[in-house]
Amino acid sequence: MVDLNNVIDVEIIEDNQVINKVSNSSMISRALVGGVLTGGVGAVIGGNTAKSNVTNTVKLISFRFKMNDMDNPYYDIIVFSHSKGLDRGSALFKSKYKEILDLFGRIELVLGQGETYSNIK
């Protein structure tokens, strides 16, 4: 469980690369580190970086919560794991990725509302 009252920002990390980030400050500030293009999944772009390490398969996707907590400043939740990796074009990957983006969108909305929420599962 993550106490959303103490969240500073949340990132989607795909195979050790940040692809999307949302920050929670006095007014919600959005920092797009990467994006998802074409067909719901498509290619990942690394923002202003010169190089991008896009592969055809994905092994691990997680959410990293940066917390306002000196003892536990980060909290990672694995939302997708496949030991051999799933092809980005597969129906299963597209379905899982849509679920991940939907959940990330809900977290973004909660952080942007500025209301008090106790926990998210």
PDB file of N, CA and C in Angstrom:
ATOM      1  N   MET A   1       0.840  -1.182   0.000  1.00  0.00           N
ATOM      2  CA  MET A   1       0.000   0.000   0.000  1.00  0.00           C
ATOM      3  C   MET A   1       0.886   1.246   0.000  1.00  0.00           C
ATOM      4  N   VAL A   2       0.438   2.242  -0.731  1.00  0.00           N
ATOM      5  CA  VAL A   2       1.178   3.485  -0.854  1.00  0.00           C
ATOM      6  C   VAL A   2       0.316   4.611  -0.298  1.00  0.00           C
ATOM      7  N   ASP A   3       0.862   5.381   0.636  1.00  0.00           N
ATOM      8  CA  ASP A   3       0.165   6.536   1.186  1.00  0.00           C
ATOM      9  C   ASP A   3       0.300   7.687   0.196  1.00  0.00           C
ATOM     10  N   LEU A   4      -0.770   7.958  -0.554  1.00  0.00           N
ATOM     11  CA  LEU A   4      -0.716   8.984  -1.597  1.00  0.00           C
ATOM     12  C   LEU A   4      -0.537  10.393  -1.038  1.00  0.00           C
ATOM     13  N   ASN A   5      -0.768  10.577   0.253  1.00  0.00           N
ATOM     14  CA  ASN A   5      -0.550  11.889   0.861  1.00  0.00           C
ATOM     15  C   ASN A   5       0.933  12.238   0.922  1.00  0.00           C
ATOM     16  N   ASN A   6       1.813  11.230   0.850  1.00  0.00           N
ATOM     17  CA  ASN A   6       3.255  11.444   0.936  1.00  0.00           C
ATOM     18  C   ASN A   6       3.979  11.246  -0.387  1.00  0.00           C
ATOM     19  N   VAL A   7       3.248  11.134  -1.497  1.00  0.00           N
ATOM     20  CA  VAL A   7       3.865  10.912  -2.801  1.00  0.00           C
ATOM     21  C   VAL A   7       4.350  12.241  -3.378  1.00  0.00           C
ATOM     22  N   ILE A   8       5.615  12.261  -3.795  1.00  0.00           N
ATOM     23  CA  ILE A   8       6.179  13.431  -4.463  1.00  0.00           C
ATOM     24  C   ILE A   8       6.014  13.282  -5.972  1.00  0.00           C
ATOM     25  N   ASP A   9       6.377  12.126  -6.501  1.00  0.00           N
ATOM     26  CA  ASP A   9       6.107  11.848  -7.903  1.00  0.00           C
ATOM     27  C   ASP A   9       6.046  10.350  -8.143  1.00  0.00           C
ATOM     28  N   VAL A  10       5.530   9.988  -9.313  1.00  0.00           N
ATOM     29  CA  VAL A  10       5.386   8.584  -9.704  1.00  0.00           C
ATOM     30  C   VAL A  10       5.929   8.441 -11.123  1.00  0.00           C
ATOM     31  N   GLU A  11       6.679   7.360 -11.340  1.00  0.00           N
ATOM     32  CA  GLU A  11       7.242   7.091 -12.657  1.00  0.00           C
ATOM     33  C   GLU A  11       6.810   5.705 -13.128  1.00  0.00           C
ATOM     34  N   ILE A  12       6.636   5.563 -14.444  1.00  0.00           N
ATOM     35  CA  ILE A  12       6.514   4.241 -15.045  1.00  0.00           C
ATOM     36  C   ILE A  12       7.913   3.892 -15.541  1.00  0.00           C
ATOM     37  N   ILE A  13       8.423   2.764 -15.087  1.00  0.00           N
ATOM     38  CA  ILE A  13       9.757   2.321 -15.488  1.00  0.00           C
ATOM     39  C   ILE A  13       9.610   1.027 -16.278  1.00  0.00           C
ATOM     40  N   GLU A  14      10.109   1.058 -17.503  1.00  0.00           N
ATOM     41  CA  GLU A  14      10.023  -0.095 -18.387  1.00  0.00           C
ATOM     42  C   GLU A  14      11.431  -0.590 -18.668  1.00  0.00           C
ATOM     43  N   ASP A  15      11.745  -1.793 -18.237  1.00  0.00           N
ATOM     44  CA  ASP A  15      13.087  -2.369 -18.409  1.00  0.00           C
ATOM     45  C   ASP A  15      14.173  -1.351 -18.058  1.00  0.00           C
ATOM     46  N   ASN A  16      14.062  -0.773 -16.881  1.00  0.00           N
ATOM     47  CA  ASN A  16      15.033   0.179 -16.308  1.00  0.00           C
ATOM     48  C   ASN A  16      15.089   1.538 -16.992  1.00  0.00           C
ATOM     49  N   GLN A  17      14.104   1.890 -17.806  1.00  0.00           N
ATOM     50  CA  GLN A  17      14.034   3.209 -18.420  1.00  0.00           C
ATOM     51  C   GLN A  17      12.746   3.891 -17.988  1.00  0.00           C
ATOM     52  N   VAL A  18      12.856   5.147 -17.538  1.00  0.00           N
ATOM     53  CA  VAL A  18      11.668   5.926 -17.186  1.00  0.00           C
ATOM     54  C   VAL A  18      10.978   6.324 -18.479  1.00  0.00           C
ATOM     55  N   ILE A  19       9.683   6.012 -18.588  1.00  0.00           N
ATOM     56  CA  ILE A  19       8.962   6.376 -19.806  1.00  0.00           C
ATOM     57  C   ILE A  19       7.872   7.404 -19.562  1.00  0.00           C
ATOM     58  N   ASN A  20       7.463   7.581 -18.310  1.00  0.00           N
ATOM     59  CA  ASN A  20       6.450   8.568 -17.989  1.00  0.00           C
ATOM     60  C   ASN A  20       6.572   8.934 -16.526  1.00  0.00           C
ATOM     61  N   LYS A  21       6.295  10.203 -16.214  1.00  0.00           N
ATOM     62  CA  LYS A  21       6.438  10.669 -14.841  1.00  0.00           C
ATOM     63  C   LYS A  21       5.374  11.723 -14.570  1.00  0.00           C
ATOM     64  N   VAL A  22       4.805  11.674 -13.384  1.00  0.00           N
ATOM     65  CA  VAL A  22       3.882  12.710 -12.937  1.00  0.00           C
ATOM     66  C   VAL A  22       4.324  13.143 -11.545  1.00  0.00           C
ATOM     67  N   SER A  23       4.338  14.451 -11.317  1.00  0.00           N
ATOM     68  CA  SER A  23       4.784  14.994 -10.035  1.00  0.00           C
ATOM     69  C   SER A  23       3.619  15.585  -9.277  1.00  0.00           C
ATOM     70  N   ASN A  24       3.711  15.508  -7.969  1.00  0.00           N
ATOM     71  CA  ASN A  24       2.707  16.081  -7.093  1.00  0.00           C
ATOM     72  C   ASN A  24       3.384  17.198  -6.301  1.00  0.00           C
ATOM     73  N   SER A  25       3.008  18.444  -6.559  1.00  0.00           N
ATOM     74  CA  SER A  25       3.511  19.571  -5.782  1.00  0.00           C
ATOM     75  C   SER A  25       2.310  20.412  -5.396  1.00  0.00           C
ATOM     76  N   SER A  26       2.512  21.653  -4.978  1.00  0.00           N
ATOM     77  CA  SER A  26       1.372  22.474  -4.565  1.00  0.00           C
ATOM     78  C   SER A  26       0.324  22.513  -5.666  1.00  0.00           C
ATOM     79  N   MET A  27       0.730  22.687  -6.870  1.00  0.00           N
ATOM     80  CA  MET A  27      -0.149  22.516  -8.028  1.00  0.00           C
ATOM     81  C   MET A  27       0.498  21.391  -8.830  1.00  0.00           C
ATOM     82  N   ILE A  28      -0.314  20.480  -9.362  1.00  0.00           N
ATOM     83  CA  ILE A  28       0.268  19.343 -10.064  1.00  0.00           C
ATOM     84  C   ILE A  28       1.102  19.817 -11.246  1.00  0.00           C
ATOM     85  N   SER A  29       2.338  19.337 -11.301  1.00  0.00           N
ATOM     86  CA  SER A  29       3.176  19.662 -12.448  1.00  0.00           C
ATOM     87  C   SER A  29       3.462  18.385 -13.192  1.00  0.00           C
ATOM     88  N   ARG A  30       3.339  18.425 -14.468  1.00  0.00           N
ATOM     89  CA  ARG A  30       3.516  17.224 -15.265  1.00  0.00           C
ATOM     90  C   ARG A  30       4.852  17.286 -15.966  1.00  0.00           C
ATOM     91  N   ALA A  31       5.621  16.233 -15.816  1.00  0.00           N
ATOM     92  CA  ALA A  31       6.910  16.148 -16.485  1.00  0.00           C
ATOM     93  C   ALA A  31       6.887  14.905 -17.356  1.00  0.00           C
ATOM     94  N   LEU A  32       6.787  15.083 -18.628  1.00  0.00           N
ATOM     95  CA  LEU A  32       6.759  13.949 -19.535  1.00  0.00           C
ATOM     96  C   LEU A  32       8.184  13.595 -19.904  1.00  0.00           C
ATOM     97  N   VAL A  33       8.669  12.477 -19.366  1.00  0.00           N
ATOM     98  CA  VAL A  33      10.030  12.044 -19.618  1.00  0.00           C
ATOM     99  C   VAL A  33      10.081  11.234 -20.906  1.00  0.00           C
ATOM    100  N   GLY A  34       9.026  10.538 -21.180  1.00  0.00           N
ATOM    101  CA  GLY A  34       8.954   9.762 -22.408  1.00  0.00           C
ATOM    102  C   GLY A  34       7.518   9.684 -22.830  1.00  0.00           C
ATOM    103  N   GLY A  35       7.224   9.094 -23.945  1.00  0.00           N
ATOM    104  CA  GLY A  35       5.844   8.988 -24.402  1.00  0.00           C
ATOM    105  C   GLY A  35       5.622   7.683 -25.119  1.00  0.00           C
ATOM    106  N   VAL A  36       4.369   7.367 -25.325  1.00  0.00           N
ATOM    107  CA  VAL A  36       4.018   6.163 -26.041  1.00  0.00           C
ATOM    108  C   VAL A  36       3.297   6.591 -27.302  1.00  0.00           C
ATOM    109  N   LEU A  37       3.733   6.071 -28.428  1.00  0.00           N
ATOM    110  CA  LEU A  37       3.177   6.469 -29.712  1.00  0.00           C
ATOM    111  C   LEU A  37       2.612   5.273 -30.463  1.00  0.00           C
ATOM    112  N   THR A  38       1.722   5.528 -31.355  1.00  0.00           N
ATOM    113  CA  THR A  38       1.124   4.606 -32.323  1.00  0.00           C
ATOM    114  C   THR A  38       0.562   3.328 -31.722  1.00  0.00           C
ATOM    115  N   GLY A  39      -0.600   2.996 -32.138  1.00  0.00           N
ATOM    116  CA  GLY A  39      -1.223   1.726 -31.819  1.00  0.00           C
ATOM    117  C   GLY A  39      -1.357   1.395 -30.353  1.00  0.00           C
ATOM    118  N   GLY A  40      -1.409   2.396 -29.483  1.00  0.00           N
ATOM    119  CA  GLY A  40      -1.569   2.148 -28.074  1.00  0.00           C
ATOM    120  C   GLY A  40      -0.275   1.796 -27.375  1.00  0.00           C
ATOM    121  N   VAL A  41       0.665   1.176 -28.055  1.00  0.00           N
ATOM    122  CA  VAL A  41       1.911   0.810 -27.406  1.00  0.00           C
ATOM    123  C   VAL A  41       3.065   1.453 -28.160  1.00  0.00           C
ATOM    124  N   GLY A  42       3.325   1.040 -29.366  1.00  0.00           N
ATOM    125  CA  GLY A  42       4.318   1.668 -30.217  1.00  0.00           C
ATOM    126  C   GLY A  42       5.702   1.794 -29.630  1.00  0.00           C
ATOM    127  N   ALA A  43       6.402   2.827 -30.019  1.00  0.00           N
ATOM    128  CA  ALA A  43       7.790   3.041 -29.614  1.00  0.00           C
ATOM    129  C   ALA A  43       7.875   4.026 -28.472  1.00  0.00           C
ATOM    130  N   VAL A  44       8.866   3.853 -27.641  1.00  0.00           N
ATOM    131  CA  VAL A  44       9.096   4.744 -26.513  1.00  0.00           C
ATOM    132  C   VAL A  44      10.189   5.727 -26.892  1.00  0.00           C
ATOM    133  N   ILE A  45       9.965   7.017 -26.590  1.00  0.00           N
ATOM    134  CA  ILE A  45      10.947   8.051 -26.877  1.00  0.00           C
ATOM    135  C   ILE A  45      11.471   8.571 -25.560  1.00  0.00           C
ATOM    136  N   GLY A  46      12.755   8.807 -25.487  1.00  0.00           N
ATOM    137  CA  GLY A  46      13.380   9.246 -24.246  1.00  0.00           C
ATOM    138  C   GLY A  46      13.415  10.750 -24.074  1.00  0.00           C
ATOM    139  N   GLY A  47      12.419  11.490 -24.498  1.00  0.00           N
ATOM    140  CA  GLY A  47      12.355  12.930 -24.294  1.00  0.00           C
ATOM    141  C   GLY A  47      13.471  13.657 -24.994  1.00  0.00           C
ATOM    142  N   ASN A  48      14.317  14.341 -24.239  1.00  0.00           N
ATOM    143  CA  ASN A  48      15.407  15.116 -24.804  1.00  0.00           C
ATOM    144  C   ASN A  48      16.688  14.312 -24.970  1.00  0.00           C
ATOM    145  N   THR A  49      16.658  13.044 -24.651  1.00  0.00           N
ATOM    146  CA  THR A  49      17.873  12.254 -24.762  1.00  0.00           C
ATOM    147  C   THR A  49      18.169  11.954 -26.214  1.00  0.00           C
ATOM    148  N   ALA A  50      19.440  11.819 -26.526  1.00  0.00           N
ATOM    149  CA  ALA A  50      19.864  11.590 -27.900  1.00  0.00           C
ATOM    150  C   ALA A  50      19.652  10.146 -28.328  1.00  0.00           C
ATOM    151  N   LYS A  51      19.737   9.218 -27.391  1.00  0.00           N
ATOM    152  CA  LYS A  51      19.615   7.803 -27.710  1.00  0.00           C
ATOM    153  C   LYS A  51      18.422   7.207 -26.986  1.00  0.00           C
ATOM    154  N   SER A  52      17.864   6.187 -27.586  1.00  0.00           N
ATOM    155  CA  SER A  52      16.765   5.462 -26.974  1.00  0.00           C
ATOM    156  C   SER A  52      17.031   3.972 -27.133  1.00  0.00           C
ATOM    157  N   ASN A  53      16.782   3.207 -26.096  1.00  0.00           N
ATOM    158  CA  ASN A  53      17.041   1.774 -26.123  1.00  0.00           C
ATOM    159  C   ASN A  53      15.744   0.991 -26.241  1.00  0.00           C
ATOM    160  N   VAL A  54      15.003   1.215 -27.309  1.00  0.00           N
ATOM    161  CA  VAL A  54      13.736   0.530 -27.517  1.00  0.00           C
ATOM    162  C   VAL A  54      14.012  -0.862 -28.063  1.00  0.00           C
ATOM    163  N   THR A  55      13.377  -1.847 -27.453  1.00  0.00           N
ATOM    164  CA  THR A  55      13.474  -3.213 -27.948  1.00  0.00           C
ATOM    165  C   THR A  55      12.089  -3.688 -28.326  1.00  0.00           C
ATOM    166  N   ASN A  56      12.027  -4.824 -28.992  1.00  0.00           N
ATOM    167  CA  ASN A  56      10.737  -5.370 -29.396  1.00  0.00           C
ATOM    168  C   ASN A  56      10.047  -6.127 -28.279  1.00  0.00           C
ATOM    169  N   THR A  57      10.796  -6.446 -27.221  1.00  0.00           N
ATOM    170  CA  THR A  57      10.209  -7.173 -26.108  1.00  0.00           C
ATOM    171  C   THR A  57      10.368  -6.386 -24.816  1.00  0.00           C
ATOM    172  N   VAL A  58       9.460  -6.643 -23.898  1.00  0.00           N
ATOM    173  CA  VAL A  58       9.486  -5.993 -22.585  1.00  0.00           C
ATOM    174  C   VAL A  58       9.424  -7.083 -21.528  1.00  0.00           C
ATOM    175  N   LYS A  59      10.345  -6.982 -20.551  1.00  0.00           N
ATOM    176  CA  LYS A  59      10.397  -7.971 -19.475  1.00  0.00           C
ATOM    177  C   LYS A  59       9.781  -7.469 -18.175  1.00  0.00           C
ATOM    178  N   LEU A  60       9.934  -6.171 -17.891  1.00  0.00           N
ATOM    179  CA  LEU A  60       9.519  -5.665 -16.586  1.00  0.00           C
ATOM    180  C   LEU A  60       9.004  -4.234 -16.690  1.00  0.00           C
ATOM    181  N   ILE A  61       7.855  -3.988 -16.073  1.00  0.00           N
ATOM    182  CA  ILE A  61       7.312  -2.633 -15.945  1.00  0.00           C
ATOM    183  C   ILE A  61       6.942  -2.440 -14.485  1.00  0.00           C
ATOM    184  N   SER A  62       7.359  -1.301 -13.931  1.00  0.00           N
ATOM    185  CA  SER A  62       7.031  -1.015 -12.533  1.00  0.00           C
ATOM    186  C   SER A  62       6.668   0.447 -12.368  1.00  0.00           C
ATOM    187  N   PHE A  63       5.994   0.728 -11.272  1.00  0.00           N
ATOM    188  CA  PHE A  63       5.739   2.104 -10.843  1.00  0.00           C
ATOM    189  C   PHE A  63       6.730   2.395  -9.725  1.00  0.00           C
ATOM    190  N   ARG A  64       7.391   3.528  -9.796  1.00  0.00           N
ATOM    191  CA  ARG A  64       8.278   3.965  -8.719  1.00  0.00           C
ATOM    192  C   ARG A  64       7.666   5.213  -8.097  1.00  0.00           C
ATOM    193  N   PHE A  65       7.313   5.090  -6.827  1.00  0.00           N
ATOM    194  CA  PHE A  65       6.764   6.206  -6.066  1.00  0.00           C
ATOM    195  C   PHE A  65       7.896   6.869  -5.295  1.00  0.00           C
ATOM    196  N   LYS A  66       8.126   8.139  -5.525  1.00  0.00           N
ATOM    197  CA  LYS A  66       9.083   8.916  -4.733  1.00  0.00           C
ATOM    198  C   LYS A  66       8.294   9.502  -3.581  1.00  0.00           C
ATOM    199  N   MET A  67       8.717   9.160  -2.351  1.00  0.00           N
ATOM    200  CA  MET A  67       7.941   9.483  -1.171  1.00  0.00           C
ATOM    201  C   MET A  67       8.577  10.610  -0.355  1.00  0.00           C
ATOM    202  N   ASN A  68       7.761  11.321   0.365  1.00  0.00           N
ATOM    203  CA  ASN A  68       8.226  12.329   1.312  1.00  0.00           C
ATOM    204  C   ASN A  68       8.467  11.609   2.642  1.00  0.00           C
ATOM    205  N   ASP A  69       9.489  10.750   2.648  1.00  0.00           N
ATOM    206  CA  ASP A  69       9.777   9.901   3.793  1.00  0.00           C
ATOM    207  C   ASP A  69      11.282   9.618   3.806  1.00  0.00           C
ATOM    208  N   MET A  70      11.994  10.141   4.781  1.00  0.00           N
ATOM    209  CA  MET A  70      13.453   9.994   4.848  1.00  0.00           C
ATOM    210  C   MET A  70      13.885   8.536   5.018  1.00  0.00           C
ATOM    211  N   ASP A  71      13.085   7.721   5.677  1.00  0.00           N
ATOM    212  CA  ASP A  71      13.444   6.320   5.899  1.00  0.00           C
ATOM    213  C   ASP A  71      13.181   5.449   4.669  1.00  0.00           C
ATOM    214  N   ASN A  72      12.162   5.772   3.915  1.00  0.00           N
ATOM    215  CA  ASN A  72      11.778   5.008   2.721  1.00  0.00           C
ATOM    216  C   ASN A  72      11.447   5.977   1.588  1.00  0.00           C
ATOM    217  N   PRO A  73      12.473   6.542   0.947  1.00  0.00           N
ATOM    218  CA  PRO A  73      12.218   7.578  -0.061  1.00  0.00           C
ATOM    219  C   PRO A  73      11.617   7.049  -1.370  1.00  0.00           C
ATOM    220  N   TYR A  74      11.753   5.754  -1.652  1.00  0.00           N
ATOM    221  CA  TYR A  74      11.199   5.178  -2.880  1.00  0.00           C
ATOM    222  C   TYR A  74      10.432   3.912  -2.555  1.00  0.00           C
ATOM    223  N   TYR A  75       9.375   3.712  -3.310  1.00  0.00           N
ATOM    224  CA  TYR A  75       8.558   2.519  -3.163  1.00  0.00           C
ATOM    225  C   TYR A  75       8.257   2.022  -4.564  1.00  0.00           C
ATOM    226  N   ASP A  76       8.741   0.839  -4.927  1.00  0.00           N
ATOM    227  CA  ASP A  76       8.530   0.276  -6.257  1.00  0.00           C
ATOM    228  C   ASP A  76       7.452  -0.791  -6.215  1.00  0.00           C
ATOM    229  N   ILE A  77       6.593  -0.765  -7.223  1.00  0.00           N
ATOM    230  CA  ILE A  77       5.573  -1.800  -7.390  1.00  0.00           C
ATOM    231  C   ILE A  77       5.714  -2.360  -8.795  1.00  0.00           C
ATOM    232  N   ILE A  78       5.982  -3.643  -8.895  1.00  0.00           N
ATOM    233  CA  ILE A  78       6.066  -4.306 -10.195  1.00  0.00           C
ATOM    234  C   ILE A  78       4.644  -4.546 -10.683  1.00  0.00           C
ATOM    235  N   VAL A  79       4.336  -4.016 -11.873  1.00  0.00           N
ATOM    236  CA  VAL A  79       2.990  -4.178 -12.420  1.00  0.00           C
ATOM    237  C   VAL A  79       2.964  -5.137 -13.613  1.00  0.00           C
ATOM    238  N   PHE A  80       4.159  -5.496 -14.109  1.00  0.00           N
ATOM    239  CA  PHE A  80       4.254  -6.452 -15.209  1.00  0.00           C
ATOM    240  C   PHE A  80       5.621  -7.112 -15.155  1.00  0.00           C
ATOM    241  N   SER A  81       5.645  -8.437 -15.262  1.00  0.00           N
ATOM    242  CA  SER A  81       6.913  -9.154 -15.276  1.00  0.00           C
ATOM    243  C   SER A  81       6.766 -10.403 -16.144  1.00  0.00           C
ATOM    244  N   HIS A  82       7.707 -10.581 -17.057  1.00  0.00           N
ATOM    245  CA  HIS A  82       7.712 -11.759 -17.918  1.00  0.00           C
ATOM    246  C   HIS A  82       9.176 -12.123 -18.150  1.00  0.00           C
ATOM    247  N   SER A  83       9.603 -13.282 -17.681  1.00  0.00           N
ATOM    248  CA  SER A  83      11.027 -13.635 -17.678  1.00  0.00           C
ATOM    249  C   SER A  83      11.671 -13.603 -19.071  1.00  0.00           C
ATOM    250  N   LYS A  84      10.958 -14.025 -20.093  1.00  0.00           N
ATOM    251  CA  LYS A  84      11.514 -14.019 -21.449  1.00  0.00           C
ATOM    252  C   LYS A  84      11.163 -12.747 -22.211  1.00  0.00           C
ATOM    253  N   GLY A  85      10.253 -11.977 -21.679  1.00  0.00           N
ATOM    254  CA  GLY A  85       9.802 -10.761 -22.356  1.00  0.00           C
ATOM    255  C   GLY A  85       8.650 -11.054 -23.299  1.00  0.00           C
ATOM    256  N   LEU A  86       7.747 -10.086 -23.383  1.00  0.00           N
ATOM    257  CA  LEU A  86       6.625 -10.191 -24.310  1.00  0.00           C
ATOM    258  C   LEU A  86       6.853  -9.224 -25.458  1.00  0.00           C
ATOM    259  N   ASP A  87       6.480  -9.641 -26.634  1.00  0.00           N
ATOM    260  CA  ASP A  87       6.574  -8.798 -27.815  1.00  0.00           C
ATOM    261  C   ASP A  87       5.584  -7.639 -27.686  1.00  0.00           C
ATOM    262  N   ARG A  88       6.061  -6.427 -27.979  1.00  0.00           N
ATOM    263  CA  ARG A  88       5.215  -5.231 -27.889  1.00  0.00           C
ATOM    264  C   ARG A  88       3.969  -5.325 -28.766  1.00  0.00           C
ATOM    265  N   GLY A  89       4.054  -6.046 -29.853  1.00  0.00           N
ATOM    266  CA  GLY A  89       2.930  -6.146 -30.778  1.00  0.00           C
ATOM    267  C   GLY A  89       1.903  -7.201 -30.403  1.00  0.00           C
ATOM    268  N   SER A  90       2.199  -8.017 -29.411  1.00  0.00           N
ATOM    269  CA  SER A  90       1.276  -9.095 -29.051  1.00  0.00           C
ATOM    270  C   SER A  90       0.023  -8.548 -28.378  1.00  0.00           C
ATOM    271  N   ALA A  91      -1.075  -9.253 -28.571  1.00  0.00           N
ATOM    272  CA  ALA A  91      -2.345  -8.853 -27.972  1.00  0.00           C
ATOM    273  C   ALA A  91      -2.260  -8.851 -26.446  1.00  0.00           C
ATOM    274  N   LEU A  92      -1.553  -9.828 -25.880  1.00  0.00           N
ATOM    275  CA  LEU A  92      -1.421  -9.899 -24.423  1.00  0.00           C
ATOM    276  C   LEU A  92      -0.677  -8.680 -23.882  1.00  0.00           C
ATOM    277  N   PHE A  93       0.429  -8.306 -24.542  1.00  0.00           N
ATOM    278  CA  PHE A  93       1.180  -7.139 -24.075  1.00  0.00           C
ATOM    279  C   PHE A  93       0.337  -5.871 -24.197  1.00  0.00           C
ATOM    280  N   LYS A  94      -0.332  -5.696 -25.313  1.00  0.00           N
ATOM    281  CA  LYS A  94      -1.161  -4.495 -25.509  1.00  0.00           C
ATOM    282  C   LYS A  94      -2.244  -4.401 -24.444  1.00  0.00           C
ATOM    283  N   SER A  95      -2.850  -5.531 -24.110  1.00  0.00           N
ATOM    284  CA  SER A  95      -3.885  -5.562 -23.082  1.00  0.00           C
ATOM    285  C   SER A  95      -3.308  -5.185 -21.716  1.00  0.00           C
ATOM    286  N   LYS A  96      -2.188  -5.790 -21.358  1.00  0.00           N
ATOM    287  CA  LYS A  96      -1.543  -5.491 -20.071  1.00  0.00           C
ATOM    288  C   LYS A  96      -1.102  -4.031 -20.020  1.00  0.00           C
ATOM    289  N   TYR A  97      -0.552  -3.521 -21.122  1.00  0.00           N
ATOM    290  CA  TYR A  97      -0.061  -2.149 -21.141  1.00  0.00           C
ATOM    291  C   TYR A  97      -1.209  -1.154 -20.996  1.00  0.00           C
ATOM    292  N   LYS A  98      -2.353  -1.459 -21.584  1.00  0.00           N
ATOM    293  CA  LYS A  98      -3.525  -0.595 -21.428  1.00  0.00           C
ATOM    294  C   LYS A  98      -3.944  -0.544 -19.966  1.00  0.00           C
ATOM    295  N   GLU A  99      -3.953  -1.686 -19.292  1.00  0.00           N
ATOM    296  CA  GLU A  99      -4.286  -1.730 -17.864  1.00  0.00           C
ATOM    297  C   GLU A  99      -3.312  -0.878 -17.054  1.00  0.00           C
ATOM    298  N   ILE A 100      -2.022  -0.958 -17.384  1.00  0.00           N
ATOM    299  CA  ILE A 100      -1.000  -0.195 -16.676  1.00  0.00           C
ATOM    300  C   ILE A 100      -1.212   1.302 -16.880  1.00  0.00           C
ATOM    301  N   LEU A 101      -1.471   1.713 -18.120  1.00  0.00           N
ATOM    302  CA  LEU A 101      -1.697   3.135 -18.395  1.00  0.00           C
ATOM    303  C   LEU A 101      -2.975   3.646 -17.730  1.00  0.00           C
ATOM    304  N   ASP A 102      -4.005   2.809 -17.684  1.00  0.00           N
ATOM    305  CA  ASP A 102      -5.243   3.187 -16.994  1.00  0.00           C
ATOM    306  C   ASP A 102      -4.990   3.419 -15.508  1.00  0.00           C
ATOM    307  N   LEU A 103      -4.249   2.518 -14.883  1.00  0.00           N
ATOM    308  CA  LEU A 103      -3.934   2.669 -13.461  1.00  0.00           C
ATOM    309  C   LEU A 103      -3.074   3.907 -13.226  1.00  0.00           C
ATOM    310  N   PHE A 104      -2.076   4.121 -14.078  1.00  0.00           N
ATOM    311  CA  PHE A 104      -1.229   5.305 -13.954  1.00  0.00           C
ATOM    312  C   PHE A 104      -2.062   6.583 -14.096  1.00  0.00           C
ATOM    313  N   GLY A 105      -3.002   6.572 -15.014  1.00  0.00           N
ATOM    314  CA  GLY A 105      -3.894   7.720 -15.196  1.00  0.00           C
ATOM    315  C   GLY A 105      -4.732   7.990 -13.960  1.00  0.00           C
ATOM    316  N   ARG A 106      -5.212   6.936 -13.311  1.00  0.00           N
ATOM    317  CA  ARG A 106      -5.989   7.105 -12.074  1.00  0.00           C
ATOM    318  C   ARG A 106      -5.124   7.706 -10.970  1.00  0.00           C
ATOM    319  N   ILE A 107      -3.885   7.225 -10.862  1.00  0.00           N
ATOM    320  CA  ILE A 107      -2.968   7.772  -9.855  1.00  0.00           C
ATOM    321  C   ILE A 107      -2.715   9.244 -10.139  1.00  0.00           C
ATOM    322  N   GLU A 108      -2.506   9.580 -11.408  1.00  0.00           N
ATOM    323  CA  GLU A 108      -2.286  10.972 -11.803  1.00  0.00           C
ATOM    324  C   GLU A 108      -3.481  11.848 -11.427  1.00  0.00           C
ATOM    325  N   LEU A 109      -4.689  11.354 -11.656  1.00  0.00           N
ATOM    326  CA  LEU A 109      -5.891  12.117 -11.305  1.00  0.00           C
ATOM    327  C   LEU A 109      -5.998  12.336  -9.801  1.00  0.00           C
ATOM    328  N   VAL A 110      -5.730  11.294  -9.031  1.00  0.00           N
ATOM    329  CA  VAL A 110      -5.804  11.409  -7.573  1.00  0.00           C
ATOM    330  C   VAL A 110      -4.789  12.432  -7.078  1.00  0.00           C
ATOM    331  N   LEU A 111      -3.562  12.364  -7.581  1.00  0.00           N
ATOM    332  CA  LEU A 111      -2.536  13.317  -7.161  1.00  0.00           C
ATOM    333  C   LEU A 111      -2.900  14.738  -7.572  1.00  0.00           C
ATOM    334  N   GLY A 112      -3.541  14.887  -8.714  1.00  0.00           N
ATOM    335  CA  GLY A 112      -3.908  16.206  -9.211  1.00  0.00           C
ATOM    336  C   GLY A 112      -5.091  16.841  -8.508  1.00  0.00           C
ATOM    337  N   GLN A 113      -5.893  16.056  -7.825  1.00  0.00           N
ATOM    338  CA  GLN A 113      -7.068  16.595  -7.157  1.00  0.00           C
ATOM    339  C   GLN A 113      -6.739  17.330  -5.876  1.00  0.00           C
ATOM    340  N   GLY A 114      -5.575  17.055  -5.292  1.00  0.00           N
ATOM    341  CA  GLY A 114      -5.169  17.746  -4.088  1.00  0.00           C
ATOM    342  C   GLY A 114      -5.995  17.415  -2.866  1.00  0.00           C
ATOM    343  N   GLU A 115      -6.750  16.338  -2.925  1.00  0.00           N
ATOM    344  CA  GLU A 115      -7.557  15.922  -1.781  1.00  0.00           C
ATOM    345  C   GLU A 115      -6.755  14.909  -0.966  1.00  0.00           C
ATOM    346  N   THR A 116      -7.260  14.570   0.186  1.00  0.00           N
ATOM    347  CA  THR A 116      -6.596  13.607   1.034  1.00  0.00           C
ATOM    348  C   THR A 116      -7.102  12.206   0.711  1.00  0.00           C
ATOM    349  N   TYR A 117      -6.168  11.339   0.367  1.00  0.00           N
ATOM    350  CA  TYR A 117      -6.477   9.940   0.118  1.00  0.00           C
ATOM    351  C   TYR A 117      -5.544   9.122   0.997  1.00  0.00           C
ATOM    352  N   SER A 118      -6.068   8.107   1.614  1.00  0.00           N
ATOM    353  CA  SER A 118      -5.239   7.371   2.551  1.00  0.00           C
ATOM    354  C   SER A 118      -4.319   6.376   1.862  1.00  0.00           C
ATOM    355  N   ASN A 119      -4.835   5.491   1.037  1.00  0.00           N
ATOM    356  CA  ASN A 119      -3.993   4.455   0.453  1.00  0.00           C
ATOM    357  C   ASN A 119      -4.532   4.000  -0.872  1.00  0.00           C
ATOM    358  N   ILE A 120      -3.648   3.433  -1.682  1.00  0.00           N
ATOM    359  CA  ILE A 120      -4.047   2.790  -2.919  1.00  0.00           C
ATOM    360  C   ILE A 120      -3.463   1.389  -2.931  1.00  0.00           C
ATOM    361  N   LYS A 121      -4.194   0.441  -3.417  1.00  0.00           N
ATOM    362  CA  LYS A 121      -3.713  -0.950  -3.471  1.00  0.00           C
ATOM    363  C   LYS A 121      -3.276  -1.254  -4.878  1.00  0.00           C
TER     364      LYS A 121
END
